[in-house]
Amino acid sequence: MKIKKLLSAVLMLFILFSISFLVYKELLQKSYSKGNTVTEVQNNKESQNYAAPPQKQSAQDKKVNTRDKVTAKPGEPETVCNFQGASCDSNNKVIAYYFHGTNRCATCLTIERYSREAIEKYFSQEIREGTLEFKPLNVDEPENCYYIQDYQLYTRSLVLALYKDDKQLKWKNLSEVWAYVKDKERFYQYVKDETERFLQE
C-alpha cells in the first residue's frame, strides 16, 4: 500500500516537472523569436532586438560602401562623404562605431563604456586632431538600420572603419570585446591595439 502511494507521488512530481519544463521552454522560444539569445533571456532577462550569440569572426578586415550625408555649413553646398559626421577634406580618419539597440542589457552598456574609455584614454590627441572619433549609434532607429547589413552585424558591436580622402577603405568588427568584457585591462589593450593598427594605415 505504501509503495503504491510512493509511486503515485513520484508520478505526480514527474508530471508536474514535465509540465513546468514545457511551459518554460515555450516562454523561452517566444523570447528567442523576438531576437533574444537564450543566454540573455536566462541571465539578463532583457531583450535585444537583433542579438545573436557572439561568434568569432575572421580577423581579415572587410570593405564596405556605406555612404552618409555630411551637413554643410550655412551658405555652403551640401556635400556627400563616405562617413558620418566627418569632414570631406580630411585625408585620413578612423571612426569607432558602437552599434546598439533600443533595449540594452548591462553587458551592452559595459562594452560601450569600456570602448569609449579605452579610446579616450589612449587616443586623446587623435580625437582632438579629428583623426579618430567614437560614435555610438542605435541601429533600431530607421535612419541607422542599414548599418546592420553594411557591417554584417549579428549583435551589439564595436566596429572600426578607416576612411581616406572621403572614401571608406576597410572596416573590422572587434568581436573579441564580448570575450574580454569581464577583464577590463585586457579589453582596453585589445581596443588600443586594433585602433592603433587602423590609425597607422
N, C-alpha and C. Protein backbone atom coordinates (compact mmCIF):
# COMPACT_ATOMS: atom_id res chain seq x y z
N MET A 1 0.83 -1.20 0.00
CA MET A 1 0.00 0.00 0.00
C MET A 1 0.87 1.26 0.00
N LYS A 2 1.89 1.23 0.87
CA LYS A 2 2.79 2.38 0.94
C LYS A 2 3.56 2.56 -0.38
N ILE A 3 3.91 1.45 -1.01
CA ILE A 3 4.65 1.50 -2.28
C ILE A 3 3.79 2.16 -3.36
N LYS A 4 2.49 1.81 -3.37
CA LYS A 4 1.59 2.42 -4.35
C LYS A 4 1.48 3.92 -4.16
N LYS A 5 1.38 4.36 -2.90
CA LYS A 5 1.31 5.80 -2.61
C LYS A 5 2.60 6.50 -3.01
N LEU A 6 3.72 5.85 -2.75
CA LEU A 6 5.02 6.42 -3.10
C LEU A 6 5.16 6.56 -4.61
N LEU A 7 4.76 5.49 -5.33
CA LEU A 7 4.83 5.53 -6.79
C LEU A 7 3.91 6.61 -7.36
N SER A 8 2.73 6.75 -6.77
CA SER A 8 1.79 7.78 -7.22
C SER A 8 2.37 9.17 -7.00
N ALA A 9 3.01 9.38 -5.84
CA ALA A 9 3.61 10.69 -5.53
C ALA A 9 4.74 11.00 -6.51
N VAL A 10 5.58 9.98 -6.79
CA VAL A 10 6.69 10.17 -7.74
C VAL A 10 6.15 10.49 -9.13
N LEU A 11 5.11 9.77 -9.54
CA LEU A 11 4.50 10.00 -10.85
C LEU A 11 3.93 11.42 -10.95
N MET A 12 3.26 11.87 -9.90
CA MET A 12 2.70 13.23 -9.88
C MET A 12 3.80 14.28 -9.98
N LEU A 13 4.88 14.06 -9.23
CA LEU A 13 6.01 15.00 -9.30
C LEU A 13 6.60 15.04 -10.70
N PHE A 14 6.74 13.89 -11.33
CA PHE A 14 7.28 13.83 -12.69
C PHE A 14 6.39 14.59 -13.67
N ILE A 15 5.07 14.39 -13.53
CA ILE A 15 4.13 15.09 -14.42
C ILE A 15 4.21 16.60 -14.21
N LEU A 16 4.26 17.05 -12.95
CA LEU A 16 4.37 18.48 -12.66
C LEU A 16 5.66 19.06 -13.21
N PHE A 17 6.74 18.32 -13.06
CA PHE A 17 8.04 18.78 -13.59
C PHE A 17 8.00 18.90 -15.11
N SER A 18 7.40 17.89 -15.77
CA SER A 18 7.30 17.90 -17.24
C SER A 18 6.49 19.09 -17.73
N ILE A 19 5.36 19.35 -17.07
CA ILE A 19 4.52 20.49 -17.46
C ILE A 19 5.27 21.80 -17.27
N SER A 20 5.97 21.93 -16.12
CA SER A 20 6.74 23.16 -15.84
C SER A 20 7.83 23.37 -16.88
N PHE A 21 8.49 22.27 -17.25
CA PHE A 21 9.56 22.37 -18.25
C PHE A 21 9.01 22.80 -19.61
N LEU A 22 7.87 22.23 -20.01
CA LEU A 22 7.26 22.60 -21.30
C LEU A 22 6.85 24.07 -21.32
N VAL A 23 6.27 24.55 -20.21
CA VAL A 23 5.87 25.96 -20.13
C VAL A 23 7.09 26.85 -20.22
N TYR A 24 8.15 26.48 -19.48
CA TYR A 24 9.40 27.27 -19.51
C TYR A 24 10.00 27.30 -20.91
N LYS A 25 10.01 26.13 -21.58
CA LYS A 25 10.56 26.05 -22.93
C LYS A 25 9.77 26.91 -23.90
N GLU A 26 8.45 26.91 -23.76
CA GLU A 26 7.58 27.72 -24.63
C GLU A 26 7.85 29.21 -24.45
N LEU A 27 7.98 29.64 -23.18
CA LEU A 27 8.29 31.05 -22.91
C LEU A 27 9.64 31.44 -23.46
N LEU A 28 10.61 30.53 -23.36
CA LEU A 28 11.96 30.79 -23.86
C LEU A 28 11.95 30.94 -25.37
N GLN A 29 11.18 30.09 -26.06
CA GLN A 29 11.10 30.17 -27.52
C GLN A 29 10.45 31.46 -27.97
N LYS A 30 9.42 31.92 -27.23
CA LYS A 30 8.78 33.19 -27.57
C LYS A 30 9.75 34.34 -27.43
N SER A 31 10.54 34.32 -26.36
CA SER A 31 11.54 35.38 -26.17
C SER A 31 12.58 35.33 -27.26
N TYR A 32 13.01 34.12 -27.64
CA TYR A 32 14.04 33.99 -28.67
C TYR A 32 13.54 34.47 -30.02
N SER A 33 12.24 34.21 -30.29
CA SER A 33 11.68 34.63 -31.57
C SER A 33 11.64 36.13 -31.72
N LYS A 34 11.72 36.87 -30.61
CA LYS A 34 11.75 38.33 -30.67
C LYS A 34 13.17 38.84 -30.86
N GLY A 35 14.14 37.94 -30.96
CA GLY A 35 15.51 38.35 -31.23
C GLY A 35 16.44 38.21 -30.07
N ASN A 36 16.02 37.53 -28.97
CA ASN A 36 16.89 37.38 -27.81
C ASN A 36 17.66 36.09 -27.89
N THR A 37 18.84 36.06 -27.33
CA THR A 37 19.58 34.84 -27.20
C THR A 37 19.14 34.12 -25.94
N VAL A 38 19.35 32.80 -25.91
CA VAL A 38 18.98 32.01 -24.74
C VAL A 38 19.76 32.49 -23.52
N THR A 39 21.01 32.79 -23.73
CA THR A 39 21.85 33.25 -22.62
C THR A 39 21.32 34.55 -22.03
N GLU A 40 20.92 35.49 -22.90
CA GLU A 40 20.45 36.78 -22.41
C GLU A 40 19.13 36.63 -21.69
N VAL A 41 18.26 35.73 -22.16
CA VAL A 41 16.97 35.54 -21.50
C VAL A 41 17.17 34.97 -20.12
N GLN A 42 18.11 34.03 -20.00
CA GLN A 42 18.33 33.38 -18.71
C GLN A 42 19.08 34.27 -17.74
N ASN A 43 20.11 34.97 -18.25
CA ASN A 43 20.98 35.72 -17.36
C ASN A 43 20.60 37.19 -17.20
N ASN A 44 20.23 37.83 -18.27
CA ASN A 44 19.98 39.27 -18.22
C ASN A 44 18.52 39.63 -18.10
N LYS A 45 17.63 38.74 -18.57
CA LYS A 45 16.19 38.99 -18.55
C LYS A 45 15.84 40.27 -19.30
N GLU A 46 16.70 40.67 -20.24
CA GLU A 46 16.44 41.86 -21.01
C GLU A 46 16.52 41.50 -22.48
N SER A 47 15.65 42.12 -23.30
CA SER A 47 15.61 41.77 -24.71
C SER A 47 16.59 42.59 -25.51
N GLN A 48 17.06 41.97 -26.63
CA GLN A 48 17.87 42.67 -27.62
C GLN A 48 17.29 42.31 -28.97
N ASN A 49 17.00 43.33 -29.78
CA ASN A 49 16.16 43.12 -30.95
C ASN A 49 16.81 42.35 -32.09
N TYR A 50 18.14 42.35 -32.20
CA TYR A 50 18.74 41.63 -33.31
C TYR A 50 19.95 40.84 -32.86
N ALA A 51 20.01 40.56 -31.54
CA ALA A 51 21.20 39.92 -31.00
C ALA A 51 21.26 38.43 -31.32
N ALA A 52 22.48 37.93 -31.40
CA ALA A 52 22.76 36.51 -31.51
C ALA A 52 24.00 36.25 -30.69
N PRO A 53 24.29 35.00 -30.34
CA PRO A 53 25.47 34.75 -29.51
C PRO A 53 26.72 35.26 -30.19
N PRO A 54 27.59 35.97 -29.46
CA PRO A 54 28.82 36.46 -30.07
C PRO A 54 29.62 35.32 -30.67
N GLN A 55 30.03 35.49 -31.92
CA GLN A 55 30.82 34.47 -32.59
C GLN A 55 32.11 35.10 -33.07
N LYS A 56 33.15 34.26 -33.09
CA LYS A 56 34.45 34.77 -33.51
C LYS A 56 34.44 34.97 -35.01
N GLN A 57 34.78 36.18 -35.45
CA GLN A 57 34.83 36.46 -36.87
C GLN A 57 36.27 36.38 -37.36
N SER A 58 36.40 36.32 -38.65
CA SER A 58 37.73 36.33 -39.24
C SER A 58 38.42 37.65 -38.93
N ALA A 59 39.73 37.57 -38.72
CA ALA A 59 40.49 38.78 -38.39
C ALA A 59 40.70 39.65 -39.62
N GLN A 60 40.35 39.12 -40.78
CA GLN A 60 40.56 39.88 -42.01
C GLN A 60 39.66 41.10 -42.07
N ASP A 61 40.24 42.23 -42.38
CA ASP A 61 39.45 43.46 -42.49
C ASP A 61 38.56 43.38 -43.71
N LYS A 62 37.40 44.05 -43.61
CA LYS A 62 36.43 43.97 -44.69
C LYS A 62 36.17 45.34 -45.29
N LYS A 63 35.72 45.31 -46.56
CA LYS A 63 35.41 46.56 -47.25
C LYS A 63 33.91 46.75 -47.28
N VAL A 64 33.48 48.01 -47.37
CA VAL A 64 32.06 48.31 -47.37
C VAL A 64 31.84 49.59 -48.16
N ASN A 65 30.63 49.82 -48.61
CA ASN A 65 30.32 51.00 -49.40
C ASN A 65 29.27 51.85 -48.71
N THR A 66 29.42 52.03 -47.38
CA THR A 66 28.47 52.84 -46.61
C THR A 66 28.61 54.30 -46.99
N ARG A 67 27.48 54.98 -47.21
CA ARG A 67 27.51 56.39 -47.54
C ARG A 67 26.63 57.16 -46.58
N ASP A 68 27.18 58.23 -46.01
CA ASP A 68 26.43 59.08 -45.08
C ASP A 68 26.52 60.52 -45.56
N LYS A 69 25.45 61.26 -45.37
CA LYS A 69 25.44 62.66 -45.77
C LYS A 69 26.02 63.52 -44.67
N VAL A 70 26.92 64.43 -45.05
CA VAL A 70 27.51 65.36 -44.10
C VAL A 70 26.81 66.70 -44.23
N THR A 71 26.37 67.23 -43.12
CA THR A 71 25.65 68.50 -43.13
C THR A 71 26.60 69.64 -43.45
N ALA A 72 26.26 70.45 -44.43
CA ALA A 72 27.10 71.58 -44.83
C ALA A 72 26.85 72.78 -43.94
N LYS A 73 27.84 73.66 -43.87
CA LYS A 73 27.68 74.90 -43.12
C LYS A 73 26.76 75.84 -43.90
N PRO A 74 26.12 76.78 -43.19
CA PRO A 74 25.23 77.71 -43.88
C PRO A 74 25.95 78.45 -45.01
N GLY A 75 25.33 78.48 -46.18
CA GLY A 75 25.92 79.19 -47.32
C GLY A 75 26.81 78.30 -48.17
N GLU A 76 27.13 77.08 -47.70
CA GLU A 76 27.97 76.17 -48.48
C GLU A 76 27.11 75.08 -49.10
N PRO A 77 27.53 74.56 -50.26
CA PRO A 77 26.77 73.47 -50.88
C PRO A 77 26.85 72.21 -50.02
N GLU A 78 25.79 71.41 -50.08
CA GLU A 78 25.77 70.18 -49.30
C GLU A 78 26.69 69.16 -49.96
N THR A 79 27.47 68.47 -49.15
CA THR A 79 28.46 67.53 -49.67
C THR A 79 28.14 66.13 -49.19
N VAL A 80 28.47 65.14 -49.99
CA VAL A 80 28.28 63.76 -49.58
C VAL A 80 29.63 63.11 -49.39
N CYS A 81 29.82 62.46 -48.24
CA CYS A 81 31.05 61.75 -47.95
C CYS A 81 30.72 60.32 -47.57
N ASN A 82 31.74 59.48 -47.41
CA ASN A 82 31.52 58.09 -47.06
C ASN A 82 31.60 57.82 -45.58
N PHE A 83 31.50 58.83 -44.76
CA PHE A 83 31.46 58.59 -43.33
C PHE A 83 30.61 59.65 -42.66
N GLN A 84 30.02 59.25 -41.55
CA GLN A 84 29.06 60.12 -40.89
C GLN A 84 29.77 61.10 -39.97
N GLY A 85 29.50 62.37 -40.17
CA GLY A 85 29.97 63.39 -39.24
C GLY A 85 31.40 63.81 -39.42
N ALA A 86 32.09 63.39 -40.48
CA ALA A 86 33.49 63.76 -40.67
C ALA A 86 33.63 64.73 -41.82
N SER A 87 34.68 65.50 -41.80
CA SER A 87 34.91 66.50 -42.83
C SER A 87 35.44 65.85 -44.10
N CYS A 88 34.94 66.32 -45.26
CA CYS A 88 35.34 65.70 -46.53
C CYS A 88 36.77 65.99 -46.91
N ASP A 89 37.35 67.07 -46.37
CA ASP A 89 38.73 67.37 -46.74
C ASP A 89 39.71 66.65 -45.83
N SER A 90 39.21 65.80 -44.93
CA SER A 90 40.08 65.01 -44.07
C SER A 90 40.72 63.92 -44.90
N ASN A 91 42.05 63.79 -44.80
CA ASN A 91 42.76 62.81 -45.61
C ASN A 91 42.67 61.42 -45.00
N ASN A 92 42.63 61.34 -43.69
CA ASN A 92 42.67 60.05 -43.01
C ASN A 92 41.86 60.14 -41.72
N LYS A 93 40.91 59.24 -41.56
CA LYS A 93 40.09 59.26 -40.36
C LYS A 93 39.64 57.85 -40.02
N VAL A 94 39.62 57.56 -38.72
CA VAL A 94 39.10 56.29 -38.23
C VAL A 94 37.89 56.60 -37.35
N ILE A 95 36.80 55.89 -37.60
CA ILE A 95 35.63 56.03 -36.75
C ILE A 95 35.41 54.70 -36.03
N ALA A 96 35.28 54.77 -34.71
CA ALA A 96 34.95 53.60 -33.90
C ALA A 96 33.45 53.67 -33.62
N TYR A 97 32.68 52.89 -34.36
CA TYR A 97 31.23 52.85 -34.17
C TYR A 97 30.90 51.84 -33.08
N TYR A 98 30.00 52.24 -32.17
CA TYR A 98 29.44 51.24 -31.27
C TYR A 98 27.96 51.11 -31.59
N PHE A 99 27.57 49.97 -32.12
CA PHE A 99 26.20 49.74 -32.55
C PHE A 99 25.42 49.02 -31.45
N HIS A 100 24.30 49.59 -31.08
CA HIS A 100 23.45 49.01 -30.04
C HIS A 100 22.00 49.14 -30.45
N GLY A 101 21.12 48.55 -29.65
CA GLY A 101 19.68 48.65 -29.91
C GLY A 101 19.00 49.53 -28.89
N THR A 102 17.69 49.60 -28.95
CA THR A 102 16.93 50.41 -28.01
C THR A 102 16.92 49.77 -26.62
N ASN A 103 16.68 48.48 -26.58
CA ASN A 103 16.70 47.74 -25.31
C ASN A 103 18.13 47.27 -25.05
N ARG A 104 18.66 47.65 -23.89
CA ARG A 104 20.08 47.40 -23.63
C ARG A 104 20.28 46.67 -22.30
N CYS A 105 21.13 45.66 -22.34
CA CYS A 105 21.45 44.91 -21.12
C CYS A 105 22.70 45.51 -20.48
N ALA A 106 23.03 45.02 -19.30
CA ALA A 106 24.19 45.54 -18.56
C ALA A 106 25.48 45.31 -19.33
N THR A 107 25.60 44.16 -20.00
CA THR A 107 26.83 43.85 -20.76
C THR A 107 27.00 44.81 -21.93
N CYS A 108 25.90 45.10 -22.63
CA CYS A 108 25.94 46.04 -23.75
C CYS A 108 26.42 47.41 -23.29
N LEU A 109 25.89 47.88 -22.18
CA LEU A 109 26.29 49.19 -21.64
C LEU A 109 27.75 49.19 -21.21
N THR A 110 28.21 48.07 -20.64
CA THR A 110 29.60 47.97 -20.21
C THR A 110 30.55 48.00 -21.40
N ILE A 111 30.20 47.29 -22.47
CA ILE A 111 31.05 47.28 -23.67
C ILE A 111 31.16 48.68 -24.25
N GLU A 112 30.05 49.41 -24.29
CA GLU A 112 30.13 50.79 -24.81
C GLU A 112 31.01 51.65 -23.91
N ARG A 113 30.83 51.53 -22.60
CA ARG A 113 31.61 52.36 -21.66
C ARG A 113 33.10 52.04 -21.76
N TYR A 114 33.44 50.77 -21.76
CA TYR A 114 34.85 50.38 -21.84
C TYR A 114 35.47 50.83 -23.18
N SER A 115 34.70 50.71 -24.25
CA SER A 115 35.20 51.12 -25.58
C SER A 115 35.51 52.61 -25.60
N ARG A 116 34.56 53.40 -25.10
CA ARG A 116 34.76 54.85 -25.05
C ARG A 116 35.96 55.21 -24.17
N GLU A 117 36.02 54.60 -22.99
CA GLU A 117 37.11 54.90 -22.05
C GLU A 117 38.48 54.54 -22.64
N ALA A 118 38.57 53.38 -23.29
CA ALA A 118 39.85 52.95 -23.88
C ALA A 118 40.30 53.92 -24.96
N ILE A 119 39.38 54.31 -25.82
CA ILE A 119 39.72 55.23 -26.92
C ILE A 119 40.11 56.60 -26.38
N GLU A 120 39.36 57.11 -25.41
CA GLU A 120 39.68 58.42 -24.84
C GLU A 120 40.98 58.39 -24.03
N LYS A 121 41.28 57.25 -23.41
CA LYS A 121 42.49 57.13 -22.59
C LYS A 121 43.75 57.11 -23.46
N TYR A 122 43.74 56.34 -24.53
CA TYR A 122 44.95 56.13 -25.33
C TYR A 122 45.06 57.04 -26.55
N PHE A 123 43.97 57.66 -26.96
CA PHE A 123 44.00 58.40 -28.23
C PHE A 123 43.40 59.81 -28.10
N SER A 124 43.65 60.47 -26.99
CA SER A 124 43.09 61.81 -26.78
C SER A 124 43.59 62.80 -27.83
N GLN A 125 44.86 62.67 -28.22
CA GLN A 125 45.42 63.59 -29.23
C GLN A 125 44.74 63.38 -30.59
N GLU A 126 44.56 62.12 -30.99
CA GLU A 126 43.92 61.82 -32.27
C GLU A 126 42.46 62.31 -32.29
N ILE A 127 41.81 62.23 -31.13
CA ILE A 127 40.43 62.73 -31.05
C ILE A 127 40.42 64.24 -31.24
N ARG A 128 41.36 64.93 -30.57
CA ARG A 128 41.45 66.40 -30.72
C ARG A 128 41.76 66.79 -32.16
N GLU A 129 42.61 66.02 -32.82
CA GLU A 129 43.01 66.34 -34.19
C GLU A 129 41.93 65.96 -35.21
N GLY A 130 40.96 65.19 -34.78
CA GLY A 130 39.88 64.80 -35.69
C GLY A 130 40.20 63.58 -36.54
N THR A 131 41.29 62.86 -36.22
CA THR A 131 41.63 61.67 -37.00
C THR A 131 40.99 60.41 -36.41
N LEU A 132 40.35 60.54 -35.25
CA LEU A 132 39.68 59.42 -34.61
C LEU A 132 38.40 59.93 -33.95
N GLU A 133 37.34 59.16 -34.08
CA GLU A 133 36.07 59.55 -33.48
C GLU A 133 35.37 58.31 -32.93
N PHE A 134 34.76 58.45 -31.76
CA PHE A 134 33.93 57.38 -31.19
C PHE A 134 32.48 57.77 -31.41
N LYS A 135 31.72 56.87 -32.04
CA LYS A 135 30.34 57.22 -32.42
C LYS A 135 29.38 56.08 -32.08
N PRO A 136 28.62 56.20 -30.98
CA PRO A 136 27.59 55.20 -30.69
C PRO A 136 26.34 55.46 -31.54
N LEU A 137 25.76 54.39 -32.06
CA LEU A 137 24.57 54.51 -32.91
C LEU A 137 23.56 53.42 -32.56
N ASN A 138 22.29 53.82 -32.52
CA ASN A 138 21.20 52.88 -32.27
C ASN A 138 20.68 52.37 -33.61
N VAL A 139 20.93 51.10 -33.90
CA VAL A 139 20.52 50.55 -35.20
C VAL A 139 19.04 50.19 -35.25
N ASP A 140 18.34 50.34 -34.13
CA ASP A 140 16.89 50.14 -34.16
C ASP A 140 16.17 51.36 -34.74
N GLU A 141 16.87 52.48 -34.81
CA GLU A 141 16.28 53.67 -35.41
C GLU A 141 16.32 53.52 -36.93
N PRO A 142 15.24 53.88 -37.61
CA PRO A 142 15.14 53.66 -39.06
C PRO A 142 16.29 54.23 -39.87
N GLU A 143 16.79 55.40 -39.47
CA GLU A 143 17.86 56.02 -40.25
C GLU A 143 19.21 55.30 -40.10
N ASN A 144 19.30 54.39 -39.13
CA ASN A 144 20.57 53.69 -38.90
C ASN A 144 20.51 52.20 -39.21
N CYS A 145 19.32 51.68 -39.56
CA CYS A 145 19.18 50.23 -39.68
C CYS A 145 20.02 49.64 -40.82
N TYR A 146 20.40 50.44 -41.81
CA TYR A 146 21.18 49.90 -42.93
C TYR A 146 22.58 49.45 -42.49
N TYR A 147 23.04 49.95 -41.35
CA TYR A 147 24.35 49.53 -40.85
C TYR A 147 24.37 48.03 -40.56
N ILE A 148 23.23 47.45 -40.20
CA ILE A 148 23.17 46.03 -39.88
C ILE A 148 23.65 45.20 -41.07
N GLN A 149 23.18 45.56 -42.26
CA GLN A 149 23.59 44.84 -43.46
C GLN A 149 25.00 45.24 -43.89
N ASP A 150 25.29 46.54 -43.87
CA ASP A 150 26.59 47.02 -44.33
C ASP A 150 27.75 46.41 -43.54
N TYR A 151 27.56 46.29 -42.23
CA TYR A 151 28.63 45.77 -41.38
C TYR A 151 28.35 44.35 -40.89
N GLN A 152 27.35 43.69 -41.47
CA GLN A 152 27.04 42.30 -41.14
C GLN A 152 26.91 42.09 -39.63
N LEU A 153 26.14 42.95 -38.99
CA LEU A 153 26.01 42.92 -37.54
C LEU A 153 25.12 41.76 -37.11
N TYR A 154 25.54 41.05 -36.08
CA TYR A 154 24.74 39.96 -35.53
C TYR A 154 24.44 40.18 -34.05
N THR A 155 25.08 41.16 -33.44
CA THR A 155 24.82 41.51 -32.05
C THR A 155 25.35 42.92 -31.82
N ARG A 156 25.32 43.40 -30.60
CA ARG A 156 25.89 44.71 -30.29
C ARG A 156 27.38 44.65 -30.62
N SER A 157 27.88 45.66 -31.31
CA SER A 157 29.22 45.53 -31.89
C SER A 157 30.02 46.82 -31.86
N LEU A 158 31.34 46.66 -31.68
CA LEU A 158 32.28 47.76 -31.85
C LEU A 158 32.97 47.53 -33.18
N VAL A 159 32.81 48.50 -34.09
CA VAL A 159 33.35 48.37 -35.45
C VAL A 159 34.29 49.54 -35.73
N LEU A 160 35.50 49.23 -36.20
CA LEU A 160 36.43 50.27 -36.65
C LEU A 160 36.30 50.41 -38.15
N ALA A 161 36.24 51.65 -38.63
CA ALA A 161 36.15 51.91 -40.06
C ALA A 161 37.20 52.94 -40.44
N LEU A 162 37.96 52.65 -41.49
CA LEU A 162 39.03 53.54 -41.96
C LEU A 162 38.59 54.27 -43.21
N TYR A 163 38.76 55.60 -43.20
CA TYR A 163 38.43 56.44 -44.35
C TYR A 163 39.66 57.20 -44.79
N LYS A 164 39.84 57.27 -46.11
CA LYS A 164 40.90 58.11 -46.68
C LYS A 164 40.31 58.87 -47.85
N ASP A 165 40.58 60.17 -47.87
CA ASP A 165 40.09 61.03 -48.96
C ASP A 165 38.59 60.81 -49.19
N ASP A 166 37.84 60.82 -48.13
CA ASP A 166 36.38 60.72 -48.07
C ASP A 166 35.81 59.38 -48.52
N LYS A 167 36.66 58.34 -48.65
CA LYS A 167 36.17 57.02 -49.03
C LYS A 167 36.53 55.99 -47.96
N GLN A 168 35.55 55.17 -47.63
CA GLN A 168 35.83 54.13 -46.66
C GLN A 168 36.58 52.99 -47.33
N LEU A 169 37.75 52.67 -46.79
CA LEU A 169 38.59 51.65 -47.39
C LEU A 169 38.37 50.27 -46.77
N LYS A 170 38.21 50.24 -45.45
CA LYS A 170 38.02 48.94 -44.82
C LYS A 170 37.37 49.12 -43.47
N TRP A 171 36.93 48.00 -42.90
CA TRP A 171 36.33 48.01 -41.57
C TRP A 171 36.59 46.67 -40.90
N LYS A 172 36.46 46.68 -39.59
CA LYS A 172 36.65 45.45 -38.82
C LYS A 172 35.74 45.45 -37.60
N ASN A 173 35.04 44.35 -37.41
CA ASN A 173 34.20 44.18 -36.23
C ASN A 173 35.07 43.59 -35.13
N LEU A 174 35.23 44.33 -34.02
CA LEU A 174 36.05 43.85 -32.91
C LEU A 174 35.21 42.91 -32.03
N SER A 175 34.97 41.73 -32.54
CA SER A 175 34.07 40.78 -31.87
C SER A 175 34.62 40.25 -30.55
N GLU A 176 35.93 40.36 -30.33
CA GLU A 176 36.51 39.85 -29.09
C GLU A 176 36.14 40.69 -27.86
N VAL A 177 35.51 41.84 -28.07
CA VAL A 177 35.10 42.63 -26.90
C VAL A 177 34.16 41.82 -25.99
N TRP A 178 33.40 40.92 -26.59
CA TRP A 178 32.50 40.07 -25.80
C TRP A 178 33.29 39.13 -24.90
N ALA A 179 34.43 38.64 -25.39
CA ALA A 179 35.24 37.70 -24.61
C ALA A 179 35.97 38.40 -23.48
N TYR A 180 36.29 39.69 -23.67
CA TYR A 180 37.11 40.43 -22.70
C TYR A 180 36.30 41.34 -21.78
N VAL A 181 34.98 41.31 -21.86
CA VAL A 181 34.17 42.26 -21.11
C VAL A 181 34.33 42.11 -19.60
N LYS A 182 34.73 40.93 -19.14
CA LYS A 182 34.93 40.73 -17.71
C LYS A 182 36.37 40.99 -17.27
N ASP A 183 37.21 41.38 -18.23
CA ASP A 183 38.61 41.69 -17.93
C ASP A 183 38.91 43.08 -18.51
N LYS A 184 38.72 44.10 -17.70
CA LYS A 184 38.78 45.48 -18.19
C LYS A 184 40.11 45.83 -18.83
N GLU A 185 41.22 45.43 -18.21
CA GLU A 185 42.54 45.76 -18.75
C GLU A 185 42.79 45.09 -20.10
N ARG A 186 42.39 43.84 -20.19
CA ARG A 186 42.56 43.13 -21.46
C ARG A 186 41.67 43.74 -22.55
N PHE A 187 40.47 44.13 -22.16
CA PHE A 187 39.54 44.80 -23.07
C PHE A 187 40.19 46.08 -23.61
N TYR A 188 40.70 46.91 -22.70
CA TYR A 188 41.37 48.16 -23.10
C TYR A 188 42.51 47.88 -24.08
N GLN A 189 43.34 46.88 -23.75
CA GLN A 189 44.50 46.59 -24.58
C GLN A 189 44.08 46.13 -25.97
N TYR A 190 43.04 45.33 -26.02
CA TYR A 190 42.54 44.85 -27.31
C TYR A 190 42.06 46.01 -28.18
N VAL A 191 41.26 46.90 -27.61
CA VAL A 191 40.76 48.06 -28.35
C VAL A 191 41.92 48.97 -28.77
N LYS A 192 42.87 49.17 -27.88
CA LYS A 192 44.04 50.00 -28.17
C LYS A 192 44.83 49.44 -29.35
N ASP A 193 45.14 48.14 -29.30
CA ASP A 193 45.95 47.52 -30.36
C ASP A 193 45.26 47.59 -31.71
N GLU A 194 43.97 47.28 -31.74
CA GLU A 194 43.25 47.28 -33.01
C GLU A 194 43.11 48.70 -33.57
N THR A 195 42.86 49.66 -32.69
CA THR A 195 42.71 51.05 -33.13
C THR A 195 44.04 51.59 -33.66
N GLU A 196 45.13 51.25 -33.01
CA GLU A 196 46.46 51.67 -33.47
C GLU A 196 46.74 51.16 -34.87
N ARG A 197 46.38 49.92 -35.14
CA ARG A 197 46.59 49.36 -36.49
C ARG A 197 45.86 50.16 -37.55
N PHE A 198 44.64 50.56 -37.24
CA PHE A 198 43.86 51.34 -38.21
C PHE A 198 44.46 52.74 -38.37
N LEU A 199 44.89 53.35 -37.29
CA LEU A 199 45.46 54.70 -37.38
C LEU A 199 46.78 54.72 -38.11
N GLN A 200 47.49 53.61 -38.12
CA GLN A 200 48.79 53.56 -38.78
C GLN A 200 48.68 53.29 -40.28
N GLU A 201 47.48 53.00 -40.75
CA GLU A 201 47.28 52.73 -42.19
C GLU A 201 47.62 53.96 -43.03
